[in-house]
């Protein structure tokens, strides 16, 4: 659903729109939403936005390092210094 929304309007997940997307929800739901949005941006080659939402997921409690290491959508992102810095901040 996130990829379909993104394909219709790339601005749907812009930071000024994120409150509408994130809503209330539980911590687990916010982690999942932010992670899936990060995946969507990463697969579209939008690394800066992907990192922003990955940071939000981590701030909410995402800590599945194995999933990050294996997720094909983050393959290119994993090679960037910004991604490595994000991971270092989490350890």
C-alpha atoms as a PDB file:
ATOM      1  CA  UNK A   1       0.000   0.000   0.000  1.00  0.00           C
ATOM      2  CA  UNK A   2       2.835   2.399   0.820  1.00  0.00           C
ATOM      3  CA  UNK A   3       4.506   1.800  -2.540  1.00  0.00           C
ATOM      4  CA  UNK A   4       1.203   2.336  -4.371  1.00  0.00           C
ATOM      5  CA  UNK A   5       0.586   5.598  -2.506  1.00  0.00           C
ATOM      6  CA  UNK A   6       4.161   6.667  -3.253  1.00  0.00           C
ATOM      7  CA  UNK A   7       3.761   5.835  -6.953  1.00  0.00           C
ATOM      8  CA  UNK A   8       0.675   8.060  -7.085  1.00  0.00           C
ATOM      9  CA  UNK A   9       2.200  10.958  -5.157  1.00  0.00           C
ATOM     10  CA  UNK A  10       5.854  11.013  -4.074  1.00  0.00           C
ATOM     11  CA  UNK A  11       5.077  13.831  -1.634  1.00  0.00           C
ATOM     12  CA  UNK A  12       2.641  11.689   0.344  1.00  0.00           C
ATOM     13  CA  UNK A  13       5.365  10.838   2.875  1.00  0.00           C
ATOM     14  CA  UNK A  14       7.023  14.253   2.978  1.00  0.00           C
ATOM     15  CA  UNK A  15       7.899  15.334   6.518  1.00  0.00           C
ATOM     16  CA  UNK A  16       5.099  17.902   6.542  1.00  0.00           C
ATOM     17  CA  UNK A  17       2.627  15.124   5.667  1.00  0.00           C
ATOM     18  CA  UNK A  18       4.008  12.476   8.026  1.00  0.00           C
ATOM     19  CA  UNK A  19       1.746  13.333  10.956  1.00  0.00           C
ATOM     20  CA  UNK A  20      -1.211  12.415   8.785  1.00  0.00           C
ATOM     21  CA  UNK A  21       0.385   9.053   7.948  1.00  0.00           C
ATOM     22  CA  UNK A  22       1.755   8.196  11.388  1.00  0.00           C
ATOM     23  CA  UNK A  23      -1.384   8.922  13.363  1.00  0.00           C
ATOM     24  CA  UNK A  24      -1.592   7.577  16.902  1.00  0.00           C
ATOM     25  CA  UNK A  25      -1.232   3.832  16.980  1.00  0.00           C
ATOM     26  CA  UNK A  26       0.889   1.688  19.215  1.00  0.00           C
ATOM     27  CA  UNK A  27       4.660   1.874  19.335  1.00  0.00           C
ATOM     28  CA  UNK A  28       4.869  -1.339  17.292  1.00  0.00           C
ATOM     29  CA  UNK A  29       2.579   0.123  14.643  1.00  0.00           C
ATOM     30  CA  UNK A  30       4.649   3.310  14.439  1.00  0.00           C
ATOM     31  CA  UNK A  31       7.837   1.237  14.104  1.00  0.00           C
ATOM     32  CA  UNK A  32       6.294  -0.798  11.288  1.00  0.00           C
ATOM     33  CA  UNK A  33       4.890   2.231   9.467  1.00  0.00           C
ATOM     34  CA  UNK A  34       8.170   4.129   9.611  1.00  0.00           C
ATOM     35  CA  UNK A  35      10.132   1.053   8.532  1.00  0.00           C
ATOM     36  CA  UNK A  36       7.851   0.405   5.548  1.00  0.00           C
ATOM     37  CA  UNK A  37       8.028   4.042   4.490  1.00  0.00           C
ATOM     38  CA  UNK A  38      11.837   3.853   4.743  1.00  0.00           C
ATOM     39  CA  UNK A  39      11.749   0.757   2.524  1.00  0.00           C
ATOM     40  CA  UNK A  40       9.546   2.544   0.016  1.00  0.00           C
ATOM     41  CA  UNK A  41      11.912   5.499  -0.225  1.00  0.00           C
ATOM     42  CA  UNK A  42      14.977   3.242  -0.391  1.00  0.00           C
ATOM     43  CA  UNK A  43      13.527   1.187  -3.236  1.00  0.00           C
ATOM     44  CA  UNK A  44      12.792   4.441  -5.098  1.00  0.00           C
ATOM     45  CA  UNK A  45      16.407   5.564  -4.661  1.00  0.00           C
ATOM     46  CA  UNK A  46      15.510   8.370  -2.259  1.00  0.00           C
ATOM     47  CA  UNK A  47      18.218   7.725   0.303  1.00  0.00           C
ATOM     48  CA  UNK A  48      17.852  10.863   2.398  1.00  0.00           C
ATOM     49  CA  UNK A  49      14.146  10.253   2.973  1.00  0.00           C
ATOM     50  CA  UNK A  50      14.758   6.541   3.602  1.00  0.00           C
ATOM     51  CA  UNK A  51      17.282   7.412   6.298  1.00  0.00           C
ATOM     52  CA  UNK A  52      14.865   9.893   7.862  1.00  0.00           C
ATOM     53  CA  UNK A  53      12.146   7.264   8.257  1.00  0.00           C
ATOM     54  CA  UNK A  54      14.599   4.559   9.288  1.00  0.00           C
ATOM     55  CA  UNK A  55      15.775   6.904  12.055  1.00  0.00           C
ATOM     56  CA  UNK A  56      12.125   7.389  13.104  1.00  0.00           C
ATOM     57  CA  UNK A  57      11.637   3.610  13.217  1.00  0.00           C
ATOM     58  CA  UNK A  58      14.761   3.237  15.347  1.00  0.00           C
ATOM     59  CA  UNK A  59      13.708   6.074  17.635  1.00  0.00           C
ATOM     60  CA  UNK A  60      10.451   4.188  18.224  1.00  0.00           C
ATOM     61  CA  UNK A  61      12.349   1.001  19.062  1.00  0.00           C
ATOM     62  CA  UNK A  62      13.208  -0.823  15.837  1.00  0.00           C
ATOM     63  CA  UNK A  63      16.362  -2.851  16.485  1.00  0.00           C
ATOM     64  CA  UNK A  64      16.289  -5.827  14.119  1.00  0.00           C
ATOM     65  CA  UNK A  65      19.833  -5.568  12.763  1.00  0.00           C
ATOM     66  CA  UNK A  66      19.527  -8.866  10.881  1.00  0.00           C
ATOM     67  CA  UNK A  67      16.471  -7.608   9.017  1.00  0.00           C
ATOM     68  CA  UNK A  68      18.337  -4.422   8.049  1.00  0.00           C
ATOM     69  CA  UNK A  69      21.309  -6.479   6.849  1.00  0.00           C
ATOM     70  CA  UNK A  70      19.111  -8.735   4.708  1.00  0.00           C
ATOM     71  CA  UNK A  71      16.425  -6.361   3.407  1.00  0.00           C
ATOM     72  CA  UNK A  72      17.011  -6.065  -0.343  1.00  0.00           C
ATOM     73  CA  UNK A  73      15.400  -2.617  -0.431  1.00  0.00           C
ATOM     74  CA  UNK A  74      18.254  -1.274   1.685  1.00  0.00           C
ATOM     75  CA  UNK A  75      21.071  -2.877  -0.367  1.00  0.00           C
ATOM     76  CA  UNK A  76      22.292   0.394  -1.893  1.00  0.00           C
ATOM     77  CA  UNK A  77      21.615   2.376   1.256  1.00  0.00           C
ATOM     78  CA  UNK A  78      23.775  -0.015   3.310  1.00  0.00           C
ATOM     79  CA  UNK A  79      26.812   1.061   1.263  1.00  0.00           C
ATOM     80  CA  UNK A  80      26.520   4.726   2.254  1.00  0.00           C
ATOM     81  CA  UNK A  81      28.416   6.428   5.065  1.00  0.00           C
ATOM     82  CA  UNK A  82      25.142   7.915   6.335  1.00  0.00           C
ATOM     83  CA  UNK A  83      23.665   4.445   6.852  1.00  0.00           C
ATOM     84  CA  UNK A  84      26.795   3.264   8.647  1.00  0.00           C
ATOM     85  CA  UNK A  85      26.679   6.341  10.872  1.00  0.00           C
ATOM     86  CA  UNK A  86      23.027   5.647  11.698  1.00  0.00           C
ATOM     87  CA  UNK A  87      23.881   2.092  12.738  1.00  0.00           C
ATOM     88  CA  UNK A  88      26.810   3.259  14.849  1.00  0.00           C
ATOM     89  CA  UNK A  89      24.556   5.675  16.690  1.00  0.00           C
ATOM     90  CA  UNK A  90      22.275   2.775  17.586  1.00  0.00           C
ATOM     91  CA  UNK A  91      24.952   0.588  19.158  1.00  0.00           C
END
